[in-house]
Amino acid sequence: MTSMVIPVVSGQRYHADRRSAATAPFSRAAWQGRRRGARRAGDRVNSYVDWYEPGLFYIAVGILLLCCADATFTLHLLQLGASEANPFMAWLLEIDTQLFLVTKFAFTAAGLVFLVAHKNFAVFSLFTVRHTLHGLLFGYALLIQYELVLLGGWL
């Protein structure tokens, strides 16, 4: 890509337009990202960023770990006589247990990638996706507690 020379009004200096060249792959900006938040106050909702705070990573990993625990407890509860409430997951369990586990994890992981990428987007103009991630973590924690209560009753 060729750099464009643009005149600067004060002092008539000339410099290359910084937006005309791609970011160097080993530069600090390429690895750390530039955009951490919105540039204007009106852009804080429904905007993408280049850098995500570590807290979102911990929430996503927490949800994935709770998803794995849910799958494990579900399989154990099924051995004890319970039934799967989700018809799609029940169908997968009829086909193959490993398919159930891989699908459950893959759907959760793909959903989390989508939600984290859209963390600043509004949901029904009431709250952001970031709040939804917190709610999912809390909901999964409640589900695990419920499953532990069920397992405690059958142990």
C-alpha atoms as a PDB file:
ATOM      1  CA  MET A   1       0.000   0.000   0.000  1.00  0.00           C
ATOM      2  CA  THR A   2       1.450   3.374  -0.914  1.00  0.00           C
ATOM      3  CA  SER A   3       1.483   6.165   1.606  1.00  0.00           C
ATOM      4  CA  MET A   4      -0.308   9.345   0.757  1.00  0.00           C
ATOM      5  CA  VAL A   5       1.313  12.699   1.412  1.00  0.00           C
ATOM      6  CA  ILE A   6      -1.119  15.120   2.992  1.00  0.00           C
ATOM      7  CA  PRO A   7      -0.332  18.801   3.541  1.00  0.00           C
ATOM      8  CA  VAL A   8      -0.637  20.078   7.094  1.00  0.00           C
ATOM      9  CA  VAL A   9      -2.041  23.604   7.331  1.00  0.00           C
ATOM     10  CA  SER A  10       0.262  24.931  10.035  1.00  0.00           C
ATOM     11  CA  GLY A  11       3.768  25.380   8.670  1.00  0.00           C
ATOM     12  CA  GLN A  12       3.018  23.493   5.447  1.00  0.00           C
ATOM     13  CA  ARG A  13       4.724  20.313   6.627  1.00  0.00           C
ATOM     14  CA  TYR A  14       4.089  17.090   4.772  1.00  0.00           C
ATOM     15  CA  HIS A  15       3.736  13.665   6.317  1.00  0.00           C
ATOM     16  CA  ALA A  16       2.341  10.281   5.358  1.00  0.00           C
ATOM     17  CA  ASP A  17      -1.207   9.456   6.396  1.00  0.00           C
ATOM     18  CA  ARG A  18      -0.858   6.945   9.257  1.00  0.00           C
ATOM     19  CA  ARG A  19      -4.091   5.193   8.255  1.00  0.00           C
ATOM     20  CA  SER A  20      -2.830   4.287   4.798  1.00  0.00           C
ATOM     21  CA  ALA A  21      -0.355   1.660   6.045  1.00  0.00           C
ATOM     22  CA  ALA A  22      -1.209  -1.574   7.836  1.00  0.00           C
ATOM     23  CA  THR A  23      -0.137  -2.084  11.435  1.00  0.00           C
ATOM     24  CA  ALA A  24       3.199  -3.872  11.613  1.00  0.00           C
ATOM     25  CA  PRO A  25       2.694  -7.443  12.853  1.00  0.00           C
ATOM     26  CA  PHE A  26       5.327  -7.185  15.604  1.00  0.00           C
ATOM     27  CA  SER A  27       4.441  -3.718  16.847  1.00  0.00           C
ATOM     28  CA  ARG A  28       3.084  -3.046  20.319  1.00  0.00           C
ATOM     29  CA  ALA A  29      -0.308  -2.060  18.865  1.00  0.00           C
ATOM     30  CA  ALA A  30      -0.667  -5.379  17.040  1.00  0.00           C
ATOM     31  CA  TRP A  31      -0.373  -7.405  20.246  1.00  0.00           C
ATOM     32  CA  GLN A  32      -1.956  -5.106  22.801  1.00  0.00           C
ATOM     33  CA  GLY A  33      -4.603  -3.541  20.611  1.00  0.00           C
ATOM     34  CA  ARG A  34      -5.352   0.098  20.414  1.00  0.00           C
ATOM     35  CA  ARG A  35      -8.993   0.535  21.191  1.00  0.00           C
ATOM     36  CA  ARG A  36      -9.856  -0.181  24.812  1.00  0.00           C
ATOM     37  CA  GLY A  37     -13.016   1.857  24.884  1.00  0.00           C
ATOM     38  CA  ALA A  38     -15.147   4.192  22.846  1.00  0.00           C
ATOM     39  CA  ARG A  39     -13.596   7.407  21.604  1.00  0.00           C
ATOM     40  CA  ARG A  40     -16.758   9.441  22.087  1.00  0.00           C
ATOM     41  CA  ALA A  41     -19.282   9.246  24.889  1.00  0.00           C
ATOM     42  CA  GLY A  42     -22.058   8.449  22.406  1.00  0.00           C
ATOM     43  CA  ASP A  43     -20.143   5.413  21.134  1.00  0.00           C
ATOM     44  CA  ARG A  44     -19.911   3.577  24.453  1.00  0.00           C
ATOM     45  CA  VAL A  45     -22.833   1.330  23.570  1.00  0.00           C
ATOM     46  CA  ASN A  46     -22.832  -0.874  20.450  1.00  0.00           C
ATOM     47  CA  SER A  47     -19.119  -0.519  19.751  1.00  0.00           C
ATOM     48  CA  TYR A  48     -16.292  -2.996  19.301  1.00  0.00           C
ATOM     49  CA  VAL A  49     -12.907  -2.782  21.000  1.00  0.00           C
ATOM     50  CA  ASP A  50      -9.455  -4.251  20.329  1.00  0.00           C
ATOM     51  CA  TRP A  51      -8.607  -5.012  23.932  1.00  0.00           C
ATOM     52  CA  TYR A  52     -10.749  -6.842  26.495  1.00  0.00           C
ATOM     53  CA  GLU A  53     -10.210  -6.505  30.209  1.00  0.00           C
ATOM     54  CA  PRO A  54      -8.989  -9.587  32.084  1.00  0.00           C
ATOM     55  CA  GLY A  55     -12.217  -9.775  34.086  1.00  0.00           C
ATOM     56  CA  LEU A  56     -14.133 -10.844  30.991  1.00  0.00           C
ATOM     57  CA  PHE A  57     -11.597 -13.600  30.388  1.00  0.00           C
ATOM     58  CA  TYR A  58     -12.095 -14.878  33.933  1.00  0.00           C
ATOM     59  CA  ILE A  59     -15.882 -14.789  33.540  1.00  0.00           C
ATOM     60  CA  ALA A  60     -15.681 -16.695  30.231  1.00  0.00           C
ATOM     61  CA  VAL A  61     -13.333 -19.319  31.690  1.00  0.00           C
ATOM     62  CA  GLY A  62     -15.608 -19.614  34.731  1.00  0.00           C
ATOM     63  CA  ILE A  63     -18.613 -20.241  32.500  1.00  0.00           C
ATOM     64  CA  LEU A  64     -16.673 -22.859  30.516  1.00  0.00           C
ATOM     65  CA  LEU A  65     -15.580 -24.639  33.707  1.00  0.00           C
ATOM     66  CA  LEU A  66     -19.131 -24.604  35.052  1.00  0.00           C
ATOM     67  CA  CYS A  67     -20.324 -25.939  31.678  1.00  0.00           C
ATOM     68  CA  CYS A  68     -17.930 -28.882  32.051  1.00  0.00           C
ATOM     69  CA  ALA A  69     -19.099 -29.467  35.626  1.00  0.00           C
ATOM     70  CA  ASP A  70     -22.719 -29.333  34.450  1.00  0.00           C
ATOM     71  CA  ALA A  71     -22.023 -31.947  31.774  1.00  0.00           C
ATOM     72  CA  THR A  72     -20.282 -34.202  34.288  1.00  0.00           C
ATOM     73  CA  PHE A  73     -23.051 -33.873  36.873  1.00  0.00           C
ATOM     74  CA  THR A  74     -25.704 -34.381  34.185  1.00  0.00           C
ATOM     75  CA  LEU A  75     -24.124 -37.658  33.098  1.00  0.00           C
ATOM     76  CA  HIS A  76     -23.896 -38.794  36.706  1.00  0.00           C
ATOM     77  CA  LEU A  77     -27.519 -37.843  37.371  1.00  0.00           C
ATOM     78  CA  LEU A  78     -28.619 -39.704  34.227  1.00  0.00           C
ATOM     79  CA  GLN A  79     -26.909 -42.852  35.531  1.00  0.00           C
ATOM     80  CA  LEU A  80     -28.925 -42.438  38.722  1.00  0.00           C
ATOM     81  CA  GLY A  81     -32.230 -42.273  36.833  1.00  0.00           C
ATOM     82  CA  ALA A  82     -32.722 -38.591  36.030  1.00  0.00           C
ATOM     83  CA  SER A  83     -33.658 -37.394  32.541  1.00  0.00           C
ATOM     84  CA  GLU A  84     -32.251 -34.608  30.356  1.00  0.00           C
ATOM     85  CA  ALA A  85     -34.653 -31.650  30.191  1.00  0.00           C
ATOM     86  CA  ASN A  86     -33.223 -30.176  26.971  1.00  0.00           C
ATOM     87  CA  PRO A  87     -34.680 -32.147  24.017  1.00  0.00           C
ATOM     88  CA  PHE A  88     -31.718 -31.420  21.723  1.00  0.00           C
ATOM     89  CA  MET A  89     -29.196 -32.559  24.330  1.00  0.00           C
ATOM     90  CA  ALA A  90     -31.348 -35.620  25.113  1.00  0.00           C
ATOM     91  CA  TRP A  91     -31.266 -36.498  21.401  1.00  0.00           C
ATOM     92  CA  LEU A  92     -27.462 -36.123  21.359  1.00  0.00           C
ATOM     93  CA  LEU A  93     -27.197 -38.350  24.422  1.00  0.00           C
ATOM     94  CA  GLU A  94     -29.196 -41.050  22.617  1.00  0.00           C
ATOM     95  CA  ILE A  95     -26.690 -40.926  19.762  1.00  0.00           C
ATOM     96  CA  ASP A  96     -23.412 -40.744  21.680  1.00  0.00           C
ATOM     97  CA  THR A  97     -22.195 -39.433  25.031  1.00  0.00           C
ATOM     98  CA  GLN A  98     -18.996 -38.043  23.551  1.00  0.00           C
ATOM     99  CA  LEU A  99     -21.007 -36.158  20.903  1.00  0.00           C
ATOM    100  CA  PHE A 100     -23.105 -34.688  23.730  1.00  0.00           C
ATOM    101  CA  LEU A 101     -19.998 -33.493  25.574  1.00  0.00           C
ATOM    102  CA  VAL A 102     -18.268 -32.029  22.507  1.00  0.00           C
ATOM    103  CA  THR A 103     -21.427 -30.279  21.294  1.00  0.00           C
ATOM    104  CA  LYS A 104     -22.196 -28.829  24.725  1.00  0.00           C
ATOM    105  CA  PHE A 105     -18.680 -27.451  25.101  1.00  0.00           C
ATOM    106  CA  ALA A 106     -18.444 -26.209  21.490  1.00  0.00           C
ATOM    107  CA  PHE A 107     -21.796 -24.388  21.622  1.00  0.00           C
ATOM    108  CA  THR A 108     -20.901 -22.788  24.938  1.00  0.00           C
ATOM    109  CA  ALA A 109     -17.437 -21.732  23.750  1.00  0.00           C
ATOM    110  CA  ALA A 110     -18.745 -20.321  20.451  1.00  0.00           C
ATOM    111  CA  GLY A 111     -21.477 -18.434  22.279  1.00  0.00           C
ATOM    112  CA  LEU A 112     -18.956 -16.991  24.704  1.00  0.00           C
ATOM    113  CA  VAL A 113     -16.684 -15.787  21.892  1.00  0.00           C
ATOM    114  CA  PHE A 114     -19.659 -14.045  20.287  1.00  0.00           C
ATOM    115  CA  LEU A 115     -20.823 -12.491  23.568  1.00  0.00           C
ATOM    116  CA  VAL A 116     -17.368 -11.273  24.619  1.00  0.00           C
ATOM    117  CA  ALA A 117     -16.836  -9.696  21.190  1.00  0.00           C
ATOM    118  CA  HIS A 118     -20.139  -7.845  21.649  1.00  0.00           C
ATOM    119  CA  LYS A 119     -19.571  -6.903  25.293  1.00  0.00           C
ATOM    120  CA  ASN A 120     -20.527  -3.244  24.758  1.00  0.00           C
ATOM    121  CA  PHE A 121     -23.712  -3.939  22.836  1.00  0.00           C
ATOM    122  CA  ALA A 122     -27.096  -3.168  24.370  1.00  0.00           C
ATOM    123  CA  VAL A 123     -29.658  -5.884  25.022  1.00  0.00           C
ATOM    124  CA  PHE A 124     -33.215  -4.552  24.660  1.00  0.00           C
ATOM    125  CA  SER A 125     -31.784  -1.080  25.404  1.00  0.00           C
ATOM    126  CA  LEU A 126     -31.728  -2.042  29.094  1.00  0.00           C
ATOM    127  CA  PHE A 127     -28.279  -3.483  29.784  1.00  0.00           C
ATOM    128  CA  THR A 128     -25.126  -4.549  27.959  1.00  0.00           C
ATOM    129  CA  VAL A 129     -23.930  -7.989  26.968  1.00  0.00           C
ATOM    130  CA  ARG A 130     -21.303  -7.652  29.703  1.00  0.00           C
ATOM    131  CA  HIS A 131     -24.152  -7.819  32.233  1.00  0.00           C
ATOM    132  CA  THR A 132     -25.504 -10.875  30.404  1.00  0.00           C
ATOM    133  CA  LEU A 133     -22.155 -12.622  30.884  1.00  0.00           C
ATOM    134  CA  HIS A 134     -22.308 -11.915  34.612  1.00  0.00           C
ATOM    135  CA  GLY A 135     -25.861 -13.288  34.645  1.00  0.00           C
ATOM    136  CA  LEU A 136     -24.798 -16.446  32.809  1.00  0.00           C
ATOM    137  CA  LEU A 137     -22.030 -17.059  35.315  1.00  0.00           C
ATOM    138  CA  PHE A 138     -24.466 -16.602  38.195  1.00  0.00           C
ATOM    139  CA  GLY A 139     -27.069 -18.826  36.503  1.00  0.00           C
ATOM    140  CA  TYR A 140     -24.562 -21.591  35.878  1.00  0.00           C
ATOM    141  CA  ALA A 141     -23.449 -21.381  39.522  1.00  0.00           C
ATOM    142  CA  LEU A 142     -27.073 -21.810  40.620  1.00  0.00           C
ATOM    143  CA  LEU A 143     -27.493 -24.770  38.260  1.00  0.00           C
ATOM    144  CA  ILE A 144     -24.403 -26.459  39.695  1.00  0.00           C
ATOM    145  CA  GLN A 145     -25.711 -25.919  43.225  1.00  0.00           C
ATOM    146  CA  TYR A 146     -29.040 -27.467  42.209  1.00  0.00           C
ATOM    147  CA  GLU A 147     -27.291 -30.467  40.680  1.00  0.00           C
ATOM    148  CA  LEU A 148     -25.184 -30.900  43.808  1.00  0.00           C
ATOM    149  CA  VAL A 149     -28.359 -30.880  45.899  1.00  0.00           C
ATOM    150  CA  LEU A 150     -29.821 -33.562  43.612  1.00  0.00           C
ATOM    151  CA  LEU A 151     -26.635 -35.619  43.831  1.00  0.00           C
ATOM    152  CA  GLY A 152     -26.529 -35.176  47.602  1.00  0.00           C
ATOM    153  CA  GLY A 153     -30.044 -36.545  47.842  1.00  0.00           C
ATOM    154  CA  TRP A 154     -29.098 -39.620  45.827  1.00  0.00           C
ATOM    155  CA  LEU A 155     -25.696 -40.334  47.327  1.00  0.00           C
END
